[in-house]
Amino acid sequence: MQEHHLPVTRTGRYVTLGPADAADVWFLLHGYGQLAHRFIRSFAPIADASRLLVAPEALNRFYVDAEHRKVGATWMTREDRLTDISDYVGYLDAVADALGLAERARVTAFGFSQGSATACRWATRGRTRVHRLVCWGGEVPPDLDLPEVAERLRTCDVVLAAGMEDRFITPKVVETMSARLRQHDVPHRVYPFAGGHEIPETALRGLLELV
């Protein structure tokens, strides 16, 4: 038996909120089992005439519940993961190209939960210039080759954000991520907030003041 890979055309879905010509553009990368049109609602409080919010939806959808009533999406699984990573990096670049962001925009990659790893990989492997990288309730992936990508990360404003009651991204996990970044001289800020594995409006508004 021999395994093969064949590139095919996929139709990706993304949702936007805000003026198409805004210079401040936020890519909002959802977590495991979420969908873009629901995820973007959490950011409505920071939508205004100066900011374009873009929520790409992961290409792999599945039924979240046993009754097949709720649908979610995932950026990747452990199965053929390197191919999926390459595909979603190219997909996010294609969204940026479709929006014409190459020269005019300051881009924030905001990843929540599983979307944090996606944001990190796009910021370090994609063609699009990412100016600000926010890992919110998610990890800088342990397998990210920091010696290889540190120089590119140094061009980003990196923020590690997590709720102080987050049962997944605990203070210990945040400190481990921070230590890795410090080891490779990647400037970053840690932003703890009151809450759990979520995106509270007050914490989101606080991030605006931070960045």
N, C-alpha and C. Protein backbone atom coordinates (compact mmCIF):
# COMPACT_ATOMS: atom_id res chain seq x y z
N MET A 1 0.85 -1.19 0.00
CA MET A 1 0.00 0.00 0.00
C MET A 1 0.88 1.24 0.00
N GLN A 2 0.54 2.21 -0.83
CA GLN A 2 1.30 3.45 -0.92
C GLN A 2 0.35 4.63 -0.79
N GLU A 3 0.72 5.56 0.07
CA GLU A 3 -0.12 6.74 0.28
C GLU A 3 0.27 7.84 -0.68
N HIS A 4 -0.74 8.56 -1.19
CA HIS A 4 -0.51 9.66 -2.13
C HIS A 4 -1.24 10.90 -1.65
N HIS A 5 -0.79 12.06 -2.10
CA HIS A 5 -1.48 13.33 -1.84
C HIS A 5 -1.73 14.05 -3.16
N LEU A 6 -2.91 14.63 -3.28
CA LEU A 6 -3.29 15.34 -4.49
C LEU A 6 -3.95 16.66 -4.11
N PRO A 7 -3.36 17.79 -4.49
CA PRO A 7 -4.01 19.08 -4.20
C PRO A 7 -5.34 19.18 -4.94
N VAL A 8 -6.37 19.67 -4.25
CA VAL A 8 -7.68 19.87 -4.86
C VAL A 8 -8.16 21.27 -4.49
N THR A 9 -9.16 21.75 -5.20
CA THR A 9 -9.74 23.06 -4.90
C THR A 9 -10.82 22.90 -3.84
N ARG A 10 -10.71 23.69 -2.77
CA ARG A 10 -11.73 23.74 -1.73
C ARG A 10 -12.32 25.14 -1.68
N THR A 11 -13.58 25.23 -1.27
CA THR A 11 -14.22 26.53 -1.08
C THR A 11 -14.26 26.83 0.41
N GLY A 12 -13.52 27.83 0.82
CA GLY A 12 -13.49 28.22 2.22
C GLY A 12 -14.55 29.28 2.50
N ARG A 13 -15.01 29.31 3.73
CA ARG A 13 -16.02 30.29 4.14
C ARG A 13 -15.42 31.21 5.21
N TYR A 14 -15.63 32.50 5.04
CA TYR A 14 -15.20 33.43 6.07
C TYR A 14 -16.26 34.51 6.24
N VAL A 15 -16.28 35.10 7.43
CA VAL A 15 -17.27 36.10 7.78
C VAL A 15 -16.55 37.38 8.15
N THR A 16 -17.08 38.52 7.75
CA THR A 16 -16.46 39.80 8.07
C THR A 16 -17.44 40.71 8.79
N LEU A 17 -16.88 41.62 9.56
CA LEU A 17 -17.66 42.63 10.26
C LEU A 17 -16.83 43.89 10.28
N GLY A 18 -17.35 44.95 9.67
CA GLY A 18 -16.61 46.20 9.64
C GLY A 18 -16.31 46.63 8.21
N PRO A 19 -15.73 47.81 8.05
CA PRO A 19 -15.46 48.35 6.72
C PRO A 19 -14.35 47.61 6.00
N ALA A 20 -14.58 47.32 4.73
CA ALA A 20 -13.61 46.54 3.95
C ALA A 20 -12.29 47.27 3.76
N ASP A 21 -12.29 48.59 3.85
CA ASP A 21 -11.07 49.35 3.61
C ASP A 21 -10.35 49.76 4.90
N ALA A 22 -10.74 49.19 6.02
CA ALA A 22 -10.11 49.54 7.30
C ALA A 22 -8.63 49.16 7.29
N ALA A 23 -7.81 49.97 7.94
CA ALA A 23 -6.38 49.70 8.02
C ALA A 23 -6.03 48.76 9.16
N ASP A 24 -6.95 48.59 10.13
CA ASP A 24 -6.73 47.70 11.27
C ASP A 24 -7.58 46.44 11.04
N VAL A 25 -6.92 45.34 10.75
CA VAL A 25 -7.62 44.10 10.38
C VAL A 25 -7.28 43.00 11.36
N TRP A 26 -8.31 42.40 11.93
CA TRP A 26 -8.14 41.30 12.88
C TRP A 26 -8.63 40.00 12.25
N PHE A 27 -7.74 39.02 12.14
CA PHE A 27 -8.13 37.66 11.74
C PHE A 27 -8.46 36.90 13.03
N LEU A 28 -9.69 36.43 13.12
CA LEU A 28 -10.19 35.76 14.32
C LEU A 28 -10.29 34.27 14.04
N LEU A 29 -9.40 33.50 14.64
CA LEU A 29 -9.30 32.07 14.35
C LEU A 29 -9.92 31.29 15.49
N HIS A 30 -11.03 30.65 15.19
CA HIS A 30 -11.87 30.02 16.22
C HIS A 30 -11.24 28.76 16.80
N GLY A 31 -11.85 28.28 17.87
CA GLY A 31 -11.39 27.07 18.53
C GLY A 31 -12.03 25.82 17.96
N TYR A 32 -11.67 24.69 18.54
CA TYR A 32 -12.16 23.39 18.09
C TYR A 32 -13.68 23.30 18.23
N GLY A 33 -14.32 22.86 17.16
CA GLY A 33 -15.77 22.63 17.20
C GLY A 33 -16.61 23.88 17.06
N GLN A 34 -16.00 25.01 16.72
CA GLN A 34 -16.76 26.25 16.55
C GLN A 34 -16.96 26.56 15.07
N LEU A 35 -17.83 27.52 14.79
CA LEU A 35 -18.05 27.99 13.43
C LEU A 35 -17.84 29.50 13.39
N ALA A 36 -17.44 30.00 12.24
CA ALA A 36 -17.04 31.40 12.12
C ALA A 36 -18.16 32.37 12.44
N HIS A 37 -19.37 32.12 11.92
CA HIS A 37 -20.44 33.11 12.10
C HIS A 37 -20.89 33.22 13.55
N ARG A 38 -20.67 32.16 14.34
CA ARG A 38 -20.97 32.25 15.77
C ARG A 38 -19.79 32.88 16.53
N PHE A 39 -18.60 32.49 16.15
CA PHE A 39 -17.41 32.97 16.85
C PHE A 39 -17.27 34.48 16.76
N ILE A 40 -17.55 35.04 15.60
CA ILE A 40 -17.33 36.47 15.40
C ILE A 40 -18.25 37.32 16.28
N ARG A 41 -19.34 36.74 16.75
CA ARG A 41 -20.27 37.50 17.60
C ARG A 41 -19.61 37.95 18.90
N SER A 42 -18.63 37.19 19.38
CA SER A 42 -17.95 37.57 20.62
C SER A 42 -17.18 38.87 20.48
N PHE A 43 -16.90 39.27 19.23
CA PHE A 43 -16.08 40.45 18.98
C PHE A 43 -16.90 41.67 18.57
N ALA A 44 -18.23 41.52 18.54
CA ALA A 44 -19.09 42.65 18.19
C ALA A 44 -18.83 43.88 19.06
N PRO A 45 -18.51 43.70 20.37
CA PRO A 45 -18.27 44.89 21.19
C PRO A 45 -17.09 45.75 20.76
N ILE A 46 -16.15 45.19 19.98
CA ILE A 46 -15.00 46.00 19.56
C ILE A 46 -15.08 46.37 18.09
N ALA A 47 -16.21 46.06 17.45
CA ALA A 47 -16.38 46.42 16.04
C ALA A 47 -16.66 47.92 15.95
N ASP A 48 -15.95 48.60 15.06
CA ASP A 48 -16.22 50.01 14.83
C ASP A 48 -15.76 50.37 13.42
N ALA A 49 -15.87 51.63 13.09
CA ALA A 49 -15.58 52.07 11.73
C ALA A 49 -14.10 52.01 11.37
N SER A 50 -13.24 51.79 12.35
CA SER A 50 -11.80 51.78 12.07
C SER A 50 -11.22 50.38 11.97
N ARG A 51 -12.04 49.35 12.20
CA ARG A 51 -11.51 47.99 12.34
C ARG A 51 -12.32 47.00 11.50
N LEU A 52 -11.62 46.16 10.75
CA LEU A 52 -12.26 45.07 10.01
C LEU A 52 -11.98 43.76 10.73
N LEU A 53 -13.04 43.07 11.11
CA LEU A 53 -12.92 41.76 11.75
C LEU A 53 -13.19 40.68 10.71
N VAL A 54 -12.29 39.73 10.63
CA VAL A 54 -12.38 38.65 9.64
C VAL A 54 -12.31 37.31 10.37
N ALA A 55 -13.35 36.50 10.21
CA ALA A 55 -13.37 35.19 10.87
C ALA A 55 -13.37 34.10 9.80
N PRO A 56 -12.20 33.57 9.43
CA PRO A 56 -12.16 32.42 8.53
C PRO A 56 -12.65 31.17 9.27
N GLU A 57 -13.29 30.30 8.54
CA GLU A 57 -13.77 29.05 9.15
C GLU A 57 -12.86 27.90 8.72
N ALA A 58 -12.48 27.08 9.69
CA ALA A 58 -11.64 25.92 9.38
C ALA A 58 -12.30 25.05 8.31
N LEU A 59 -11.49 24.41 7.50
CA LEU A 59 -11.99 23.68 6.34
C LEU A 59 -12.57 22.31 6.66
N ASN A 60 -12.37 21.84 7.88
CA ASN A 60 -12.82 20.49 8.24
C ASN A 60 -14.01 20.56 9.19
N ARG A 61 -15.22 20.32 8.68
CA ARG A 61 -16.43 20.38 9.51
C ARG A 61 -16.83 18.97 9.94
N PHE A 62 -17.55 18.92 11.06
CA PHE A 62 -18.01 17.63 11.58
C PHE A 62 -19.21 17.87 12.50
N TYR A 63 -19.93 16.81 12.80
CA TYR A 63 -21.03 16.90 13.75
C TYR A 63 -20.46 16.84 15.17
N VAL A 64 -20.81 17.84 15.97
CA VAL A 64 -20.27 17.93 17.32
C VAL A 64 -20.99 16.99 18.28
N ASP A 65 -22.29 16.80 18.06
CA ASP A 65 -23.10 16.01 18.99
C ASP A 65 -23.54 14.70 18.35
N ALA A 66 -23.93 13.75 19.19
CA ALA A 66 -24.32 12.42 18.71
C ALA A 66 -25.60 12.47 17.88
N GLU A 67 -26.44 13.48 18.10
CA GLU A 67 -27.70 13.59 17.38
C GLU A 67 -27.55 14.28 16.02
N HIS A 68 -26.35 14.71 15.70
CA HIS A 68 -26.06 15.39 14.44
C HIS A 68 -26.86 16.68 14.27
N ARG A 69 -27.05 17.38 15.36
CA ARG A 69 -27.78 18.65 15.31
C ARG A 69 -26.84 19.85 15.23
N LYS A 70 -25.67 19.73 15.84
CA LYS A 70 -24.74 20.85 15.90
C LYS A 70 -23.49 20.54 15.07
N VAL A 71 -23.10 21.49 14.26
CA VAL A 71 -21.93 21.34 13.40
C VAL A 71 -20.83 22.26 13.90
N GLY A 72 -19.62 21.76 13.90
CA GLY A 72 -18.45 22.57 14.24
C GLY A 72 -17.36 22.32 13.21
N ALA A 73 -16.24 22.98 13.40
CA ALA A 73 -15.12 22.81 12.47
C ALA A 73 -13.82 22.72 13.26
N THR A 74 -12.83 22.10 12.65
CA THR A 74 -11.51 21.99 13.27
C THR A 74 -10.44 22.31 12.24
N TRP A 75 -9.38 22.94 12.71
CA TRP A 75 -8.29 23.30 11.81
C TRP A 75 -7.46 22.09 11.40
N MET A 76 -7.39 21.11 12.29
CA MET A 76 -6.61 19.92 11.99
C MET A 76 -6.87 18.87 13.06
N THR A 77 -6.46 17.66 12.77
CA THR A 77 -6.42 16.58 13.76
C THR A 77 -5.02 15.97 13.69
N ARG A 78 -4.81 14.91 14.42
CA ARG A 78 -3.49 14.28 14.34
C ARG A 78 -3.31 13.49 13.04
N GLU A 79 -4.41 13.20 12.36
CA GLU A 79 -4.34 12.43 11.10
C GLU A 79 -3.89 13.34 9.96
N ASP A 80 -2.79 12.99 9.32
CA ASP A 80 -2.24 13.75 8.18
C ASP A 80 -2.11 15.24 8.52
N ARG A 81 -1.64 15.50 9.72
CA ARG A 81 -1.66 16.85 10.27
C ARG A 81 -0.80 17.85 9.49
N LEU A 82 0.38 17.40 9.00
CA LEU A 82 1.25 18.33 8.30
C LEU A 82 0.61 18.84 7.01
N THR A 83 -0.15 17.96 6.35
CA THR A 83 -0.86 18.38 5.14
C THR A 83 -1.94 19.40 5.48
N ASP A 84 -2.68 19.14 6.56
CA ASP A 84 -3.72 20.08 6.96
C ASP A 84 -3.13 21.43 7.37
N ILE A 85 -1.99 21.41 8.06
CA ILE A 85 -1.34 22.67 8.44
C ILE A 85 -0.96 23.46 7.20
N SER A 86 -0.33 22.80 6.25
CA SER A 86 0.06 23.48 5.02
C SER A 86 -1.16 24.03 4.29
N ASP A 87 -2.24 23.27 4.28
CA ASP A 87 -3.46 23.71 3.60
C ASP A 87 -4.06 24.93 4.28
N TYR A 88 -4.11 24.93 5.62
CA TYR A 88 -4.77 26.09 6.24
C TYR A 88 -3.89 27.34 6.22
N VAL A 89 -2.58 27.18 6.22
CA VAL A 89 -1.72 28.35 6.05
C VAL A 89 -1.96 28.98 4.68
N GLY A 90 -2.03 28.16 3.64
CA GLY A 90 -2.32 28.66 2.31
C GLY A 90 -3.71 29.27 2.21
N TYR A 91 -4.66 28.67 2.90
CA TYR A 91 -6.04 29.17 2.91
C TYR A 91 -6.11 30.56 3.54
N LEU A 92 -5.45 30.76 4.69
CA LEU A 92 -5.47 32.06 5.36
C LEU A 92 -4.78 33.12 4.51
N ASP A 93 -3.70 32.75 3.83
CA ASP A 93 -3.06 33.68 2.90
C ASP A 93 -4.01 34.06 1.77
N ALA A 94 -4.79 33.08 1.30
CA ALA A 94 -5.74 33.35 0.22
C ALA A 94 -6.83 34.31 0.67
N VAL A 95 -7.28 34.17 1.91
CA VAL A 95 -8.27 35.12 2.44
C VAL A 95 -7.68 36.52 2.50
N ALA A 96 -6.44 36.62 2.99
CA ALA A 96 -5.77 37.93 3.04
C ALA A 96 -5.63 38.53 1.65
N ASP A 97 -5.29 37.70 0.67
CA ASP A 97 -5.17 38.17 -0.71
C ASP A 97 -6.52 38.67 -1.23
N ALA A 98 -7.58 37.92 -0.93
CA ALA A 98 -8.92 38.30 -1.41
C ALA A 98 -9.35 39.64 -0.83
N LEU A 99 -8.88 39.94 0.38
CA LEU A 99 -9.22 41.21 1.02
C LEU A 99 -8.27 42.34 0.64
N GLY A 100 -7.22 42.01 -0.11
CA GLY A 100 -6.26 43.02 -0.56
C GLY A 100 -5.47 43.65 0.56
N LEU A 101 -4.95 42.83 1.47
CA LEU A 101 -4.29 43.36 2.67
C LEU A 101 -2.80 43.60 2.51
N ALA A 102 -2.23 43.22 1.39
CA ALA A 102 -0.77 43.15 1.25
C ALA A 102 -0.04 44.38 1.78
N GLU A 103 -0.44 45.56 1.39
CA GLU A 103 0.34 46.75 1.75
C GLU A 103 -0.40 47.70 2.68
N ARG A 104 -1.72 47.63 2.69
CA ARG A 104 -2.46 48.71 3.34
C ARG A 104 -2.80 48.46 4.80
N ALA A 105 -2.73 47.22 5.29
CA ALA A 105 -3.33 46.92 6.58
C ALA A 105 -2.32 46.49 7.63
N ARG A 106 -2.67 46.79 8.88
CA ARG A 106 -1.97 46.23 10.03
C ARG A 106 -2.78 45.03 10.49
N VAL A 107 -2.18 43.86 10.45
CA VAL A 107 -2.91 42.60 10.65
C VAL A 107 -2.65 42.04 12.04
N THR A 108 -3.75 41.73 12.73
CA THR A 108 -3.69 41.01 14.00
C THR A 108 -4.19 39.59 13.76
N ALA A 109 -3.41 38.61 14.17
CA ALA A 109 -3.86 37.21 14.16
C ALA A 109 -4.25 36.86 15.58
N PHE A 110 -5.55 36.71 15.81
CA PHE A 110 -6.09 36.40 17.13
C PHE A 110 -6.57 34.96 17.11
N GLY A 111 -5.89 34.10 17.85
CA GLY A 111 -6.28 32.70 17.89
C GLY A 111 -6.84 32.34 19.25
N PHE A 112 -8.01 31.71 19.24
CA PHE A 112 -8.61 31.25 20.49
C PHE A 112 -8.51 29.73 20.58
N SER A 113 -8.02 29.23 21.71
CA SER A 113 -7.94 27.79 21.96
C SER A 113 -7.16 27.11 20.83
N GLN A 114 -7.75 26.15 20.11
CA GLN A 114 -7.03 25.51 19.02
C GLN A 114 -6.57 26.51 17.97
N GLY A 115 -7.32 27.59 17.82
CA GLY A 115 -6.97 28.62 16.85
C GLY A 115 -5.66 29.33 17.17
N SER A 116 -5.18 29.24 18.42
CA SER A 116 -3.90 29.86 18.77
C SER A 116 -2.75 29.20 18.02
N ALA A 117 -2.75 27.88 17.98
CA ALA A 117 -1.71 27.18 17.22
C ALA A 117 -1.79 27.54 15.74
N THR A 118 -3.02 27.65 15.24
CA THR A 118 -3.22 28.03 13.84
C THR A 118 -2.64 29.42 13.59
N ALA A 119 -2.93 30.35 14.49
CA ALA A 119 -2.42 31.72 14.34
C ALA A 119 -0.90 31.74 14.36
N CYS A 120 -0.29 30.97 15.25
CA CYS A 120 1.17 30.92 15.34
C CYS A 120 1.79 30.40 14.05
N ARG A 121 1.20 29.35 13.52
CA ARG A 121 1.77 28.76 12.31
C ARG A 121 1.58 29.68 11.11
N TRP A 122 0.43 30.35 11.03
CA TRP A 122 0.22 31.28 9.93
C TRP A 122 1.19 32.46 10.03
N ALA A 123 1.36 32.99 11.25
CA ALA A 123 2.23 34.14 11.44
C ALA A 123 3.68 33.83 11.08
N THR A 124 4.08 32.57 11.24
CA THR A 124 5.49 32.21 11.01
C THR A 124 5.73 31.50 9.68
N ARG A 125 4.67 30.98 9.05
CA ARG A 125 4.85 30.23 7.81
C ARG A 125 4.16 30.85 6.61
N GLY A 126 3.22 31.75 6.86
CA GLY A 126 2.44 32.31 5.77
C GLY A 126 3.16 33.44 5.03
N ARG A 127 2.57 33.84 3.90
CA ARG A 127 3.10 34.95 3.12
C ARG A 127 2.67 36.29 3.68
N THR A 128 1.57 36.30 4.42
CA THR A 128 0.99 37.54 4.92
C THR A 128 1.79 38.07 6.10
N ARG A 129 2.06 39.36 6.10
CA ARG A 129 2.76 39.99 7.23
C ARG A 129 1.77 40.13 8.39
N VAL A 130 2.07 39.48 9.49
CA VAL A 130 1.26 39.58 10.71
C VAL A 130 2.00 40.51 11.66
N HIS A 131 1.34 41.58 12.07
CA HIS A 131 1.97 42.57 12.93
C HIS A 131 1.76 42.27 14.41
N ARG A 132 0.64 41.62 14.72
CA ARG A 132 0.30 41.34 16.12
C ARG A 132 -0.23 39.92 16.20
N LEU A 133 0.29 39.15 17.16
CA LEU A 133 -0.12 37.76 17.36
C LEU A 133 -0.66 37.62 18.77
N VAL A 134 -1.93 37.23 18.87
CA VAL A 134 -2.57 37.06 20.17
C VAL A 134 -2.96 35.59 20.34
N CYS A 135 -2.37 34.93 21.32
CA CYS A 135 -2.75 33.57 21.67
C CYS A 135 -3.66 33.66 22.90
N TRP A 136 -4.95 33.44 22.69
CA TRP A 136 -5.95 33.65 23.73
C TRP A 136 -6.51 32.28 24.16
N GLY A 137 -6.19 31.88 25.37
CA GLY A 137 -6.69 30.59 25.84
C GLY A 137 -6.19 29.44 25.01
N GLY A 138 -4.99 29.58 24.47
CA GLY A 138 -4.42 28.52 23.63
C GLY A 138 -2.91 28.58 23.68
N GLU A 139 -2.27 27.60 23.08
CA GLU A 139 -0.82 27.45 23.18
C GLU A 139 -0.07 27.95 21.96
N VAL A 140 1.14 28.41 22.20
CA VAL A 140 2.16 28.42 21.16
C VAL A 140 2.51 26.95 20.99
N PRO A 141 2.26 26.36 19.82
CA PRO A 141 2.39 24.90 19.72
C PRO A 141 3.77 24.40 20.11
N PRO A 142 3.83 23.38 20.94
CA PRO A 142 5.13 22.87 21.40
C PRO A 142 6.05 22.44 20.27
N ASP A 143 5.46 22.03 19.14
CA ASP A 143 6.29 21.58 18.03
C ASP A 143 6.72 22.71 17.09
N LEU A 144 6.35 23.95 17.43
CA LEU A 144 6.80 25.08 16.61
C LEU A 144 8.31 25.23 16.80
N ASP A 145 9.03 25.23 15.70
CA ASP A 145 10.50 25.29 15.74
C ASP A 145 10.92 26.72 16.02
N LEU A 146 11.03 27.06 17.30
CA LEU A 146 11.33 28.44 17.67
C LEU A 146 12.69 28.93 17.16
N PRO A 147 13.74 28.11 17.19
CA PRO A 147 15.01 28.60 16.63
C PRO A 147 14.86 29.02 15.16
N GLU A 148 13.99 28.33 14.44
CA GLU A 148 13.81 28.63 13.02
C GLU A 148 12.93 29.86 12.80
N VAL A 149 11.89 30.05 13.64
CA VAL A 149 10.91 31.10 13.38
C VAL A 149 11.03 32.30 14.31
N ALA A 150 11.97 32.26 15.25
CA ALA A 150 12.07 33.33 16.24
C ALA A 150 12.25 34.70 15.60
N GLU A 151 13.05 34.77 14.55
CA GLU A 151 13.30 36.07 13.91
C GLU A 151 12.00 36.67 13.39
N ARG A 152 11.16 35.83 12.84
CA ARG A 152 9.88 36.35 12.33
C ARG A 152 8.95 36.74 13.48
N LEU A 153 8.96 35.95 14.55
CA LEU A 153 8.12 36.29 15.71
C LEU A 153 8.55 37.62 16.33
N ARG A 154 9.84 37.93 16.24
CA ARG A 154 10.32 39.19 16.82
C ARG A 154 9.76 40.40 16.10
N THR A 155 9.22 40.21 14.90
CA THR A 155 8.60 41.32 14.17
C THR A 155 7.14 41.49 14.56
N CYS A 156 6.61 40.60 15.39
CA CYS A 156 5.22 40.67 15.83
C CYS A 156 5.14 41.19 17.26
N ASP A 157 4.02 41.81 17.57
CA ASP A 157 3.70 42.12 18.96
C ASP A 157 2.98 40.88 19.50
N VAL A 158 3.66 40.07 20.29
CA VAL A 158 3.12 38.79 20.76
C VAL A 158 2.49 38.96 22.14
N VAL A 159 1.24 38.48 22.26
CA VAL A 159 0.52 38.54 23.53
C VAL A 159 0.01 37.15 23.89
N LEU A 160 0.30 36.71 25.09
CA LEU A 160 -0.24 35.46 25.62
C LEU A 160 -1.35 35.81 26.60
N ALA A 161 -2.58 35.50 26.26
CA ALA A 161 -3.73 35.87 27.09
C ALA A 161 -4.45 34.61 27.57
N ALA A 162 -4.79 34.59 28.85
CA ALA A 162 -5.51 33.43 29.39
C ALA A 162 -6.28 33.84 30.63
N GLY A 163 -7.45 33.24 30.80
CA GLY A 163 -8.23 33.47 32.00
C GLY A 163 -7.58 32.82 33.21
N MET A 164 -7.66 33.48 34.31
CA MET A 164 -7.01 32.96 35.52
C MET A 164 -7.70 31.70 36.04
N GLU A 165 -8.92 31.43 35.54
CA GLU A 165 -9.61 30.20 35.91
C GLU A 165 -9.68 29.22 34.74
N ASP A 166 -8.88 29.44 33.72
CA ASP A 166 -8.88 28.54 32.56
C ASP A 166 -8.32 27.18 32.97
N ARG A 167 -9.12 26.13 32.79
CA ARG A 167 -8.66 24.80 33.22
C ARG A 167 -7.73 24.15 32.21
N PHE A 168 -7.66 24.69 31.03
CA PHE A 168 -6.77 24.15 30.00
C PHE A 168 -5.44 24.91 29.96
N ILE A 169 -5.52 26.23 29.83
CA ILE A 169 -4.31 27.06 29.75
C ILE A 169 -4.12 27.70 31.13
N THR A 170 -3.53 26.93 32.00
CA THR A 170 -3.33 27.35 33.39
C THR A 170 -2.14 28.31 33.48
N PRO A 171 -1.98 29.00 34.61
CA PRO A 171 -0.79 29.85 34.78
C PRO A 171 0.52 29.09 34.54
N LYS A 172 0.56 27.82 34.91
CA LYS A 172 1.77 27.03 34.68
C LYS A 172 2.03 26.86 33.19
N VAL A 173 0.97 26.61 32.41
CA VAL A 173 1.13 26.46 30.97
C VAL A 173 1.60 27.78 30.35
N VAL A 174 1.01 28.88 30.81
CA VAL A 174 1.41 30.20 30.29
C VAL A 174 2.87 30.47 30.60
N GLU A 175 3.31 30.14 31.80
CA GLU A 175 4.71 30.36 32.17
C GLU A 175 5.65 29.50 31.33
N THR A 176 5.23 28.28 31.01
CA THR A 176 6.05 27.42 30.16
C THR A 176 6.20 28.02 28.77
N MET A 177 5.09 28.54 28.21
CA MET A 177 5.16 29.19 26.90
C MET A 177 6.04 30.43 26.96
N SER A 178 5.86 31.22 28.00
CA SER A 178 6.64 32.44 28.15
C SER A 178 8.13 32.13 28.27
N ALA A 179 8.46 31.07 29.01
CA ALA A 179 9.87 30.69 29.17
C ALA A 179 10.48 30.29 27.83
N ARG A 180 9.73 29.56 27.02
CA ARG A 180 10.23 29.17 25.69
C ARG A 180 10.51 30.41 24.84
N LEU A 181 9.59 31.37 24.87
CA LEU A 181 9.78 32.58 24.08
C LEU A 181 10.98 33.38 24.59
N ARG A 182 11.11 33.47 25.90
CA ARG A 182 12.26 34.20 26.47
C ARG A 182 13.57 33.52 26.09
N GLN A 183 13.57 32.20 26.08
CA GLN A 183 14.79 31.45 25.75
C GLN A 183 15.29 31.81 24.36
N HIS A 184 14.35 32.15 23.47
CA HIS A 184 14.73 32.47 22.10
C HIS A 184 14.60 33.97 21.81
N ASP A 185 14.61 34.76 22.88
CA ASP A 185 14.63 36.23 22.76
C ASP A 185 13.48 36.77 21.93
N VAL A 186 12.29 36.21 22.16
CA VAL A 186 11.08 36.70 21.49
C VAL A 186 10.33 37.60 22.47
N PRO A 187 10.30 38.91 22.24
CA PRO A 187 9.57 39.80 23.13
C PRO A 187 8.08 39.45 23.12
N HIS A 188 7.45 39.52 24.27
CA HIS A 188 6.03 39.20 24.37
C HIS A 188 5.49 39.75 25.68
N ARG A 189 4.17 39.78 25.75
CA ARG A 189 3.50 40.21 26.97
C ARG A 189 2.51 39.13 27.40
N VAL A 190 2.36 38.99 28.71
CA VAL A 190 1.40 38.06 29.28
C VAL A 190 0.21 38.87 29.79
N TYR A 191 -0.99 38.45 29.38
CA TYR A 191 -2.21 39.18 29.73
C TYR A 191 -3.18 38.25 30.44
N PRO A 192 -3.12 38.18 31.78
CA PRO A 192 -4.11 37.37 32.52
C PRO A 192 -5.39 38.19 32.72
N PHE A 193 -6.52 37.51 32.70
CA PHE A 193 -7.78 38.21 32.93
C PHE A 193 -8.70 37.35 33.79
N ALA A 194 -9.69 37.97 34.38
CA ALA A 194 -10.65 37.26 35.21
C ALA A 194 -11.59 36.46 34.32
N GLY A 195 -11.62 35.14 34.54
CA GLY A 195 -12.49 34.31 33.73
C GLY A 195 -11.84 32.97 33.43
N GLY A 196 -12.53 32.18 32.61
CA GLY A 196 -12.04 30.86 32.27
C GLY A 196 -11.68 30.76 30.80
N HIS A 197 -12.09 29.64 30.21
CA HIS A 197 -11.77 29.38 28.80
C HIS A 197 -12.85 30.05 27.94
N GLU A 198 -12.72 31.36 27.80
CA GLU A 198 -13.77 32.16 27.19
C GLU A 198 -13.19 33.50 26.74
N ILE A 199 -14.03 34.32 26.13
CA ILE A 199 -13.60 35.65 25.68
C ILE A 199 -14.57 36.67 26.27
N PRO A 200 -14.37 37.06 27.52
CA PRO A 200 -15.27 38.05 28.14
C PRO A 200 -15.10 39.43 27.50
N GLU A 201 -16.19 40.15 27.42
CA GLU A 201 -16.14 41.48 26.80
C GLU A 201 -15.17 42.40 27.52
N THR A 202 -15.18 42.38 28.85
CA THR A 202 -14.29 43.27 29.59
C THR A 202 -12.82 42.96 29.32
N ALA A 203 -12.50 41.67 29.21
CA ALA A 203 -11.11 41.28 28.93
C ALA A 203 -10.72 41.67 27.51
N LEU A 204 -11.66 41.54 26.58
CA LEU A 204 -11.39 41.90 25.19
C LEU A 204 -11.13 43.40 25.07
N ARG A 205 -11.93 44.19 25.77
CA ARG A 205 -11.71 45.64 25.75
C ARG A 205 -10.36 45.98 26.42
N GLY A 206 -10.00 45.23 27.43
CA GLY A 206 -8.70 45.44 28.06
C GLY A 206 -7.56 45.14 27.11
N LEU A 207 -7.73 44.16 26.24
CA LEU A 207 -6.70 43.85 25.26
C LEU A 207 -6.49 45.03 24.32
N LEU A 208 -7.58 45.71 23.94
CA LEU A 208 -7.45 46.88 23.07
C LEU A 208 -6.57 47.94 23.70
N GLU A 209 -6.70 48.11 25.00
CA GLU A 209 -5.87 49.09 25.70
C GLU A 209 -4.41 48.61 25.77
N LEU A 210 -4.23 47.29 25.83
CA LEU A 210 -2.88 46.74 25.94
C LEU A 210 -2.13 46.86 24.64
N VAL A 211 -2.83 46.59 23.53
CA VAL A 211 -2.15 46.57 22.24
C VAL A 211 -2.32 47.87 21.48
